[in-house]
């Protein structure tokens, strides 16, 4: 568990998994040769073999008396035939969540940056053979456009099953709100549209007492995309738009006093986008 203080806002990282993958599994351009060319700045985010260190975590944002959970990882007991490492898990995430001092019914808002399986899993838990909302007093916020796209998607069970077991039960329980991508949640926390990876993808902005942060979601998966925003992810629904969104993001936050928290960034997880040697880098 790691925490950040952004003015009056406290952000806590709640870890589910820390996988290590070949970079090309996510970014086809991240060959060993290309990764090696980046040099030492990338060391906190790769292992000694050049493999990508990644993280699957939730970020809990405490603002103005509210507890706002951003993304809910993979979850337990979920059948994921196309992702064997994520199928039918039995992880102590909820136990550790509560040990950290966060009771489930103390969460009043859950933000789904998008509706992929590794971001909605703990939306629900299996009880007596039924999927029920994990956070019974929370409002689950998801983009209207995101829901419109994935609720009709039936081309692959890898994307349909998470909707059926982790999203529809929340909607059926009338705990979901389908929102526009610029919704303000508190005076310190609001949503920011970052489409491309998925149609209704959102990031989360935080500003308090002159200090600022942004939670990326899957607008970028690894810090190497700060240097190479044109490197696309195989799961981007609109690769061209995703590249443009990343380029705009890097330009907007470069050399600014804004803490960037990557939803899949391992190790330090947070840092700043800076100009170096005619390009961009991510510095923890």
Protein backbone atom coordinates (compact mmCIF):
# COMPACT_ATOMS: atom_id res chain seq x y z
CA UNK A 1 0.00 0.00 0.00
CA UNK A 2 1.24 3.45 -0.91
CA UNK A 3 -0.33 6.85 -0.33
CA UNK A 4 -0.06 10.33 -1.85
CA UNK A 5 -1.26 13.64 -0.43
CA UNK A 6 -2.52 16.11 -3.01
CA UNK A 7 -3.52 19.17 -0.99
CA UNK A 8 -6.40 17.95 1.18
CA UNK A 9 -6.93 14.84 -0.98
CA UNK A 10 -5.44 11.52 0.03
CA UNK A 11 -4.88 8.80 -2.58
CA UNK A 12 -4.15 5.19 -1.57
CA UNK A 13 -2.95 2.45 -3.91
CA UNK A 14 -4.57 -0.91 -3.17
CA UNK A 15 -2.64 -3.66 -4.93
CA UNK A 16 -4.18 -6.75 -6.46
CA UNK A 17 -1.38 -8.11 -8.67
CA UNK A 18 2.06 -7.18 -10.01
CA UNK A 19 2.63 -9.15 -13.22
CA UNK A 20 5.81 -9.09 -15.29
CA UNK A 21 5.23 -9.45 -19.03
CA UNK A 22 7.08 -9.31 -22.28
CA UNK A 23 6.47 -5.77 -23.51
CA UNK A 24 5.23 -6.94 -26.89
CA UNK A 25 2.27 -8.64 -25.19
CA UNK A 26 0.89 -5.15 -24.66
CA UNK A 27 2.75 -2.95 -27.12
CA UNK A 28 3.88 -4.69 -30.32
CA UNK A 29 6.53 -1.99 -30.84
CA UNK A 30 8.11 -2.68 -27.43
CA UNK A 31 10.67 -5.16 -28.74
CA UNK A 32 13.72 -5.90 -26.57
CA UNK A 33 15.83 -3.79 -28.93
CA UNK A 34 13.50 -0.79 -28.73
CA UNK A 35 13.18 -1.06 -24.96
CA UNK A 36 16.95 -1.24 -24.50
CA UNK A 37 17.40 1.98 -26.50
CA UNK A 38 15.46 3.93 -23.87
CA UNK A 39 18.33 3.74 -21.39
CA UNK A 40 18.32 4.07 -17.63
CA UNK A 41 15.23 6.26 -17.17
CA UNK A 42 13.08 3.18 -17.75
CA UNK A 43 14.82 1.01 -15.11
CA UNK A 44 12.16 1.38 -12.37
CA UNK A 45 9.59 -0.06 -14.78
CA UNK A 46 11.44 -3.05 -16.29
CA UNK A 47 13.22 -6.01 -14.73
CA UNK A 48 16.82 -7.08 -15.34
CA UNK A 49 15.69 -9.03 -18.42
CA UNK A 50 13.96 -6.02 -19.94
CA UNK A 51 10.47 -7.35 -19.21
CA UNK A 52 7.72 -4.89 -18.31
CA UNK A 53 6.85 -4.53 -14.65
CA UNK A 54 3.12 -3.85 -14.41
CA UNK A 55 0.58 -3.36 -11.69
CA UNK A 56 -3.11 -4.07 -11.30
CA UNK A 57 -4.44 -1.89 -8.51
CA UNK A 58 -7.28 0.28 -7.38
CA UNK A 59 -6.73 3.87 -6.30
CA UNK A 60 -8.85 5.12 -3.42
CA UNK A 61 -9.35 8.88 -3.43
CA UNK A 62 -10.52 10.57 -0.21
CA UNK A 63 -11.95 14.01 -0.88
CA UNK A 64 -14.26 16.20 1.19
CA UNK A 65 -15.42 13.31 3.34
CA UNK A 66 -15.99 11.00 0.37
CA UNK A 67 -14.27 7.75 -0.51
CA UNK A 68 -13.97 7.34 -4.26
CA UNK A 69 -12.58 4.06 -5.61
CA UNK A 70 -11.04 4.27 -9.08
CA UNK A 71 -11.19 0.94 -10.95
CA UNK A 72 -11.63 -2.45 -9.33
CA UNK A 73 -9.03 -4.79 -10.85
CA UNK A 74 -9.74 -8.38 -11.98
CA UNK A 75 -11.69 -9.83 -9.05
CA UNK A 76 -12.22 -13.35 -7.75
CA UNK A 77 -14.16 -16.28 -9.21
CA UNK A 78 -14.47 -14.68 -12.66
CA UNK A 79 -14.36 -17.05 -15.64
CA UNK A 80 -11.96 -15.56 -18.18
CA UNK A 81 -11.26 -18.23 -20.83
CA UNK A 82 -9.02 -15.96 -22.91
CA UNK A 83 -6.97 -14.82 -19.91
CA UNK A 84 -5.96 -17.93 -17.98
CA UNK A 85 -3.83 -16.01 -15.48
CA UNK A 86 -6.89 -13.94 -14.53
CA UNK A 87 -9.48 -16.71 -14.52
CA UNK A 88 -11.12 -18.01 -11.33
CA UNK A 89 -8.76 -16.18 -9.00
CA UNK A 90 -8.82 -16.44 -5.22
CA UNK A 91 -6.89 -13.41 -4.04
CA UNK A 92 -7.02 -11.69 -0.61
CA UNK A 93 -7.78 -8.28 -2.10
CA UNK A 94 -10.89 -7.56 -0.05
CA UNK A 95 -9.30 -8.77 3.18
CA UNK A 96 -6.33 -6.48 2.60
CA UNK A 97 -8.69 -3.69 1.58
CA UNK A 98 -10.43 -3.87 4.94
CA UNK A 99 -7.15 -4.33 6.87
CA UNK A 100 -6.06 -1.01 5.36
CA UNK A 101 -9.01 0.59 7.16
CA UNK A 102 -11.53 0.74 4.34
CA UNK A 103 -14.80 -1.01 5.06
CA UNK A 104 -16.74 -1.97 1.94
CA UNK A 105 -19.77 0.05 2.96
CA UNK A 106 -17.60 3.14 3.49
CA UNK A 107 -17.09 3.49 -0.28
CA UNK A 108 -19.62 5.95 -1.67
CA UNK A 109 -18.39 6.16 -5.29
CA UNK A 110 -16.77 3.70 -7.70
CA UNK A 111 -15.36 5.12 -10.94
CA UNK A 112 -14.88 2.74 -13.86
CA UNK A 113 -12.38 4.43 -16.18
CA UNK A 114 -13.58 1.91 -18.77
CA UNK A 115 -15.25 -1.51 -18.85
CA UNK A 116 -12.39 -3.94 -19.52
CA UNK A 117 -12.10 -7.03 -17.33
CA UNK A 118 -9.12 -5.80 -15.27
CA UNK A 119 -10.93 -2.62 -14.24
CA UNK A 120 -14.37 -3.87 -13.19
CA UNK A 121 -13.70 -7.22 -11.50
CA UNK A 122 -14.32 -6.25 -7.87
CA UNK A 123 -17.48 -4.37 -8.84
CA UNK A 124 -19.16 -7.62 -7.84
CA UNK A 125 -18.54 -10.66 -5.69
CA UNK A 126 -20.06 -14.12 -5.87
CA UNK A 127 -22.55 -14.86 -3.09
CA UNK A 128 -24.70 -18.00 -3.11
CA UNK A 129 -24.21 -18.40 -6.83
CA UNK A 130 -25.16 -14.81 -7.67
CA UNK A 131 -23.09 -11.76 -8.54
CA UNK A 132 -23.82 -8.94 -6.12
CA UNK A 133 -22.33 -5.44 -5.79
CA UNK A 134 -19.22 -5.49 -3.63
CA UNK A 135 -19.72 -1.93 -2.40
CA UNK A 136 -23.42 -1.79 -1.53
CA UNK A 137 -23.56 1.91 -0.60
CA UNK A 138 -21.61 3.16 -3.60
CA UNK A 139 -22.76 4.79 -6.81
CA UNK A 140 -20.91 3.14 -9.68
CA UNK A 141 -20.00 5.72 -12.32
CA UNK A 142 -19.32 4.65 -15.89
CA UNK A 143 -19.39 6.54 -19.15
CA UNK A 144 -22.64 6.57 -21.09
CA UNK A 145 -20.77 6.06 -24.34
CA UNK A 146 -18.69 3.27 -22.79
CA UNK A 147 -21.82 1.40 -21.72
CA UNK A 148 -23.53 1.97 -25.05
CA UNK A 149 -20.60 0.31 -26.83
CA UNK A 150 -19.87 -2.66 -24.58
CA UNK A 151 -23.48 -3.51 -23.71
CA UNK A 152 -24.02 -4.38 -27.39
CA UNK A 153 -20.65 -6.06 -27.94
CA UNK A 154 -20.83 -9.82 -28.51
CA UNK A 155 -17.83 -10.57 -30.72
CA UNK A 156 -15.67 -12.09 -27.96
CA UNK A 157 -16.42 -13.63 -24.55
CA UNK A 158 -13.27 -11.97 -23.23
CA UNK A 159 -15.09 -8.64 -23.39
CA UNK A 160 -18.68 -9.80 -23.00
CA UNK A 161 -18.27 -11.88 -19.83
CA UNK A 162 -17.03 -8.96 -17.68
CA UNK A 163 -20.10 -6.98 -18.70
CA UNK A 164 -22.37 -9.85 -17.69
CA UNK A 165 -20.78 -10.67 -14.32
CA UNK A 166 -19.27 -7.34 -13.23
CA UNK A 167 -21.34 -4.55 -14.77
CA UNK A 168 -24.92 -5.69 -15.42
CA UNK A 169 -25.44 -6.82 -11.79
CA UNK A 170 -24.58 -3.29 -10.62
CA UNK A 171 -27.00 -1.81 -13.14
CA UNK A 172 -29.69 -4.31 -12.16
CA UNK A 173 -29.19 -3.29 -8.52
CA UNK A 174 -29.79 0.33 -9.58
CA UNK A 175 -26.42 1.41 -8.24
CA UNK A 176 -24.97 2.55 -11.58
CA UNK A 177 -24.94 6.02 -13.09
CA UNK A 178 -24.14 6.45 -16.77
CA UNK A 179 -22.33 9.76 -16.94
CA UNK A 180 -20.76 12.24 -19.31
CA UNK A 181 -16.94 12.23 -19.44
CA UNK A 182 -16.45 15.63 -17.79
CA UNK A 183 -18.52 15.03 -14.66
CA UNK A 184 -17.40 16.84 -11.49
CA UNK A 185 -17.60 14.53 -8.47
CA UNK A 186 -16.47 17.01 -5.85
CA UNK A 187 -14.84 20.44 -5.90
CA UNK A 188 -11.51 18.56 -5.93
CA UNK A 189 -12.21 15.58 -8.22
CA UNK A 190 -13.58 15.40 -11.74
CA UNK A 191 -13.53 13.25 -14.87
CA UNK A 192 -11.57 14.00 -18.01
CA UNK A 193 -12.36 12.36 -21.40
CA UNK A 194 -9.46 10.30 -22.80
CA UNK A 195 -11.05 8.18 -25.55
CA UNK A 196 -9.35 5.80 -27.94
CA UNK A 197 -8.39 2.79 -25.86
CA UNK A 198 -12.14 2.41 -25.52
CA UNK A 199 -14.89 4.70 -26.85
CA UNK A 200 -15.86 6.22 -23.51
CA UNK A 201 -12.57 5.98 -21.63
CA UNK A 202 -12.07 8.54 -18.86
CA UNK A 203 -9.22 9.66 -16.64
CA UNK A 204 -9.59 11.27 -13.22
CA UNK A 205 -8.29 14.74 -12.28
CA UNK A 206 -7.57 15.89 -8.76
CA UNK A 207 -6.82 19.45 -7.64
CA UNK A 208 -6.63 20.69 -4.07
CA UNK A 209 -4.93 23.67 -2.44
CA UNK A 210 -2.81 24.34 -5.52
CA UNK A 211 -1.62 20.73 -5.91
CA UNK A 212 -2.63 18.55 -8.84
CA UNK A 213 -2.75 14.93 -9.97
CA UNK A 214 -4.26 12.83 -12.73
CA UNK A 215 -5.08 9.10 -12.78
CA UNK A 216 -4.52 7.79 -16.29
CA UNK A 217 -6.69 4.70 -16.55
CA UNK A 218 -5.63 2.74 -19.65
CA UNK A 219 -5.05 5.83 -21.75
CA UNK A 220 -1.48 4.59 -21.33
CA UNK A 221 -0.41 1.24 -19.93
CA UNK A 222 3.31 1.74 -19.29
CA UNK A 223 5.62 4.75 -18.81
CA UNK A 224 7.37 3.96 -22.10
CA UNK A 225 4.29 5.38 -23.83
CA UNK A 226 5.20 8.81 -22.48
CA UNK A 227 8.26 8.64 -24.74
CA UNK A 228 6.31 6.84 -27.48
CA UNK A 229 2.65 7.91 -27.45
CA UNK A 230 2.35 6.49 -30.96
CA UNK A 231 2.90 2.94 -29.70
CA UNK A 232 -0.54 1.37 -29.76
CA UNK A 233 -2.02 -1.33 -27.57
CA UNK A 234 -3.55 -4.38 -29.23
CA UNK A 235 -6.80 -3.76 -27.34
CA UNK A 236 -7.27 -0.14 -28.43
CA UNK A 237 -10.70 0.08 -30.09
CA UNK A 238 -9.61 3.17 -32.05
CA UNK A 239 -5.80 3.16 -32.32
CA UNK A 240 -5.60 6.46 -34.23
CA UNK A 241 -7.70 8.29 -31.63
CA UNK A 242 -5.78 6.61 -28.80
CA UNK A 243 -2.49 7.94 -30.20
CA UNK A 244 -3.90 11.44 -30.54
CA UNK A 245 -5.27 11.32 -26.98
CA UNK A 246 -1.89 10.23 -25.59
CA UNK A 247 -0.06 12.93 -27.53
CA UNK A 248 -2.40 15.59 -26.20
CA UNK A 249 -2.06 14.21 -22.68
CA UNK A 250 1.74 14.25 -22.80
CA UNK A 251 1.79 17.79 -24.18
CA UNK A 252 -0.77 19.03 -21.65
CA UNK A 253 1.01 17.70 -18.56
CA UNK A 254 4.64 17.98 -19.66
CA UNK A 255 6.77 20.11 -17.30
CA UNK A 256 3.71 20.86 -15.19
CA UNK A 257 3.43 20.37 -11.41
CA UNK A 258 0.95 17.52 -11.93
CA UNK A 259 1.48 14.11 -10.34
CA UNK A 260 0.67 11.45 -12.96
CA UNK A 261 -0.56 8.17 -11.45
CA UNK A 262 -0.57 5.28 -13.91
CA UNK A 263 -3.30 2.71 -13.41
CA UNK A 264 -0.92 -0.04 -14.58
CA UNK A 265 2.38 1.64 -13.64
CA UNK A 266 4.38 -0.57 -11.29
CA UNK A 267 6.84 0.37 -8.60
CA UNK A 268 6.69 4.10 -7.94
CA UNK A 269 3.35 4.28 -9.84
CA UNK A 270 3.50 8.08 -9.95
CA UNK A 271 5.76 10.73 -11.39
CA UNK A 272 6.01 13.69 -13.75
CA UNK A 273 6.19 14.03 -17.51
CA UNK A 274 9.30 16.02 -18.51
CA UNK A 275 11.13 17.05 -21.67
CA UNK A 276 14.50 15.36 -22.11
CA UNK A 277 16.84 15.17 -25.11
CA UNK A 278 14.26 16.42 -27.56
CA UNK A 279 11.59 14.00 -26.36
CA UNK A 280 9.54 13.10 -23.31
CA UNK A 281 10.27 11.02 -20.26
CA UNK A 282 8.45 9.87 -17.13
CA UNK A 283 10.32 10.65 -13.92
CA UNK A 284 9.17 9.14 -10.60
